[in-house]
Amino acid sequence: MTELTRKLLGANPADPEEQRVVDHIERRAPISRDVGDLADAQDSFWDRLADSVARIGGSWPFIGMFFLFLLAWTGTNSFLLAKGSAFDPYPYIFLNLMLSMLAAIQAPIIMMSQNRQAEKDRIAAAHDYEVNLRSEIEILGMQEKLDRLRGEQHERIFERQELILKQLERIEKRLP
């Protein structure tokens, strides 16, 4: 572990994210990865189905189609009611039952999808923390190197100035 990493994180990094960053720094390996693909690879069929239902059920086309379906249902039943043969007469109790069942099924599926998305967001946030920590350590390391190089350069400049002053003193002594 580098001196700077020890100074910033202590002798033993506290959590697994910090340890992973330290390991990558020591190996000089990149830490970035696509966490979206990683999370998607672990999804089951049911997870993907829940995401699809939530994606479709929460879209404007679905709302538009559903509105048209409700309009057609009520229009058809109202028309048939006038003829005396409506299959779901006003107040449309069967439609109400179907909508309630749809809501009872769709709501938990959407909540499952939201929970999964929240977990993906937590994974992405943890990864962002690792990348940011690695970047911060690398930037501070470069800053230390620049400071050290600047200090060495100043030392060389002072040494040259001393040499020049000594040469000037020798030249002055030779002058009448």
Protein backbone atom coordinates (compact mmCIF):
# COMPACT_ATOMS: atom_id res chain seq x y z
CA MET A 1 0.00 0.00 0.00
CA THR A 2 1.38 3.40 -0.88
CA GLU A 3 2.38 5.93 1.73
CA LEU A 4 -0.33 8.35 0.62
CA THR A 5 -3.02 5.66 0.73
CA ARG A 6 -1.97 4.76 4.28
CA LYS A 7 -2.09 8.40 5.26
CA LEU A 8 -5.58 8.92 3.80
CA LEU A 9 -7.25 5.65 4.75
CA GLY A 10 -5.22 4.56 7.77
CA ALA A 11 -3.24 1.35 8.12
CA ASN A 12 -6.28 -0.86 7.51
CA PRO A 13 -9.10 0.45 5.30
CA ALA A 14 -12.41 0.34 7.16
CA ASP A 15 -14.80 -1.02 4.56
CA PRO A 16 -14.65 -3.38 1.57
CA GLU A 17 -14.96 -0.53 -0.94
CA GLU A 18 -11.84 1.15 0.44
CA GLN A 19 -9.96 -2.18 0.50
CA ARG A 20 -10.95 -2.82 -3.13
CA VAL A 21 -9.62 0.65 -4.06
CA VAL A 22 -6.34 -0.04 -2.25
CA ASP A 23 -5.99 -3.40 -4.01
CA HIS A 24 -6.57 -1.80 -7.41
CA ILE A 25 -4.06 0.95 -6.66
CA GLU A 26 -1.42 -1.58 -5.60
CA ARG A 27 -1.99 -3.63 -8.77
CA ARG A 28 -2.23 -0.43 -10.85
CA ALA A 29 -5.45 -1.84 -12.29
CA PRO A 30 -8.48 0.15 -13.43
CA ILE A 31 -11.43 0.13 -11.04
CA SER A 32 -14.15 1.27 -13.45
CA ARG A 33 -16.71 -1.26 -14.58
CA ASP A 34 -20.24 -1.17 -15.95
CA VAL A 35 -22.35 -1.90 -12.89
CA GLY A 36 -25.55 -1.87 -14.96
CA ASP A 37 -24.44 -4.90 -16.95
CA LEU A 38 -23.23 -6.59 -13.77
CA ALA A 39 -26.63 -6.16 -12.09
CA ASP A 40 -28.55 -7.14 -15.24
CA ALA A 41 -26.57 -10.37 -15.58
CA GLN A 42 -27.83 -11.53 -12.18
CA ASP A 43 -31.51 -10.83 -12.98
CA SER A 44 -33.92 -13.74 -13.10
CA PHE A 45 -36.73 -14.10 -15.64
CA TRP A 46 -39.19 -12.78 -13.04
CA ASP A 47 -37.02 -9.74 -12.33
CA ARG A 48 -36.90 -8.87 -16.02
CA LEU A 49 -40.66 -9.47 -16.30
CA ALA A 50 -41.33 -7.11 -13.37
CA ASP A 51 -39.15 -4.46 -15.01
CA SER A 52 -41.00 -4.88 -18.31
CA VAL A 53 -44.42 -4.62 -16.66
CA ALA A 54 -43.33 -1.48 -14.78
CA ARG A 55 -41.81 0.02 -17.94
CA ILE A 56 -44.94 -0.64 -20.01
CA GLY A 57 -47.46 0.18 -17.25
CA GLY A 58 -45.75 3.49 -16.55
CA SER A 59 -45.70 4.76 -20.11
CA TRP A 60 -47.89 7.27 -21.95
CA PRO A 61 -48.80 4.78 -24.70
CA PHE A 62 -50.16 2.39 -22.04
CA ILE A 63 -52.19 5.18 -20.44
CA GLY A 64 -53.54 6.22 -23.85
CA MET A 65 -54.45 2.65 -24.84
CA PHE A 66 -56.03 2.01 -21.46
CA PHE A 67 -58.06 5.21 -21.73
CA LEU A 68 -59.27 4.12 -25.19
CA PHE A 69 -60.17 0.69 -23.79
CA LEU A 70 -62.21 2.30 -20.97
CA LEU A 71 -63.92 4.58 -23.46
CA ALA A 72 -64.76 1.62 -25.72
CA TRP A 73 -66.02 -0.45 -22.75
CA THR A 74 -68.31 2.27 -21.42
CA GLY A 75 -69.41 3.35 -24.90
CA THR A 76 -70.24 -0.19 -26.00
CA ASN A 77 -72.11 -0.96 -22.78
CA SER A 78 -74.02 2.31 -22.88
CA PHE A 79 -75.01 1.63 -26.49
CA LEU A 80 -76.04 -1.95 -25.68
CA LEU A 81 -77.87 -0.76 -22.56
CA ALA A 82 -80.11 1.36 -24.75
CA LYS A 83 -81.01 -1.85 -26.65
CA GLY A 84 -81.47 -3.75 -23.38
CA SER A 85 -78.60 -6.24 -23.81
CA ALA A 86 -75.55 -4.72 -22.05
CA PHE A 87 -73.02 -7.28 -20.77
CA ASP A 88 -71.88 -4.89 -17.98
CA PRO A 89 -74.65 -2.35 -17.33
CA TYR A 90 -74.09 0.94 -15.57
CA PRO A 91 -72.35 1.40 -12.98
CA TYR A 92 -70.00 -1.07 -14.76
CA ILE A 93 -69.35 -3.36 -11.79
CA PHE A 94 -67.48 -5.97 -13.85
CA LEU A 95 -65.17 -3.27 -15.26
CA ASN A 96 -64.60 -2.03 -11.72
CA LEU A 97 -63.68 -5.57 -10.62
CA MET A 98 -61.22 -5.99 -13.51
CA LEU A 99 -59.59 -2.61 -12.77
CA SER A 100 -59.25 -3.53 -9.09
CA MET A 101 -57.62 -6.87 -9.97
CA LEU A 102 -55.27 -5.14 -12.41
CA ALA A 103 -54.27 -2.62 -9.73
CA ALA A 104 -53.83 -5.40 -7.16
CA ILE A 105 -51.43 -7.24 -9.46
CA GLN A 106 -49.69 -4.28 -11.08
CA ALA A 107 -48.89 -2.32 -7.88
CA PRO A 108 -46.70 -5.00 -6.21
CA ILE A 109 -44.95 -5.71 -9.52
CA ILE A 110 -44.12 -2.02 -9.91
CA MET A 111 -42.93 -1.89 -6.29
CA MET A 112 -40.67 -4.92 -6.91
CA SER A 113 -39.21 -3.19 -9.93
CA GLN A 114 -38.66 0.01 -7.93
CA ASN A 115 -36.93 -1.96 -5.16
CA ARG A 116 -34.66 -3.60 -7.70
CA GLN A 117 -33.90 -0.21 -9.24
CA ALA A 118 -33.08 1.17 -5.79
CA GLU A 119 -30.66 -1.73 -5.26
CA LYS A 120 -29.04 -1.02 -8.64
CA ASP A 121 -28.74 2.64 -7.63
CA ARG A 122 -27.05 1.63 -4.35
CA ILE A 123 -24.58 -0.54 -6.27
CA ALA A 124 -23.88 2.30 -8.69
CA ALA A 125 -23.40 4.76 -5.81
CA ALA A 126 -20.94 2.39 -4.10
CA HIS A 127 -19.04 2.04 -7.37
CA ASP A 128 -19.02 5.82 -7.83
CA TYR A 129 -17.58 6.14 -4.33
CA GLU A 130 -14.80 3.68 -5.20
CA VAL A 131 -13.97 5.48 -8.44
CA ASN A 132 -14.05 8.89 -6.74
CA LEU A 133 -11.86 7.67 -3.88
CA ARG A 134 -9.38 6.20 -6.33
CA SER A 135 -9.36 9.43 -8.33
CA GLU A 136 -8.86 11.51 -5.21
CA ILE A 137 -5.96 9.35 -4.04
CA GLU A 138 -4.36 9.44 -7.50
CA ILE A 139 -4.78 13.22 -7.77
CA LEU A 140 -3.31 13.76 -4.31
CA GLY A 141 -0.45 11.44 -5.25
CA MET A 142 0.25 13.44 -8.39
CA GLN A 143 0.09 16.65 -6.35
CA GLU A 144 2.68 15.24 -3.93
CA LYS A 145 4.92 14.27 -6.85
CA LEU A 146 4.59 17.73 -8.36
CA ASP A 147 5.40 19.33 -5.00
CA ARG A 148 8.44 17.07 -4.61
CA LEU A 149 9.63 17.83 -8.15
CA ARG A 150 9.08 21.54 -7.58
CA GLY A 151 11.08 21.32 -4.33
CA GLU A 152 13.90 19.47 -6.09
CA GLN A 153 13.86 22.06 -8.86
CA HIS A 154 14.09 24.87 -6.29
CA GLU A 155 17.04 23.11 -4.64
CA ARG A 156 18.85 22.87 -7.98
CA ILE A 157 18.12 26.52 -8.68
CA PHE A 158 19.52 27.53 -5.27
CA GLU A 159 22.61 25.35 -5.84
CA ARG A 160 23.18 27.00 -9.22
CA GLN A 161 22.69 30.43 -7.66
CA GLU A 162 25.29 29.60 -5.04
CA LEU A 163 27.71 28.47 -7.75
CA ILE A 164 27.06 31.64 -9.73
CA LEU A 165 27.58 33.78 -6.61
CA LYS A 166 30.86 32.00 -5.84
CA GLN A 167 32.00 32.52 -9.42
CA LEU A 168 31.02 36.20 -9.21
CA GLU A 169 32.99 36.55 -5.96
CA ARG A 170 36.04 35.00 -7.62
CA ILE A 171 35.66 37.31 -10.59
CA GLU A 172 35.30 40.29 -8.23
CA LYS A 173 38.50 39.36 -6.41
CA ARG A 174 40.41 39.31 -9.71
CA LEU A 175 39.19 42.73 -10.68
CA PRO A 176 41.41 45.70 -9.65
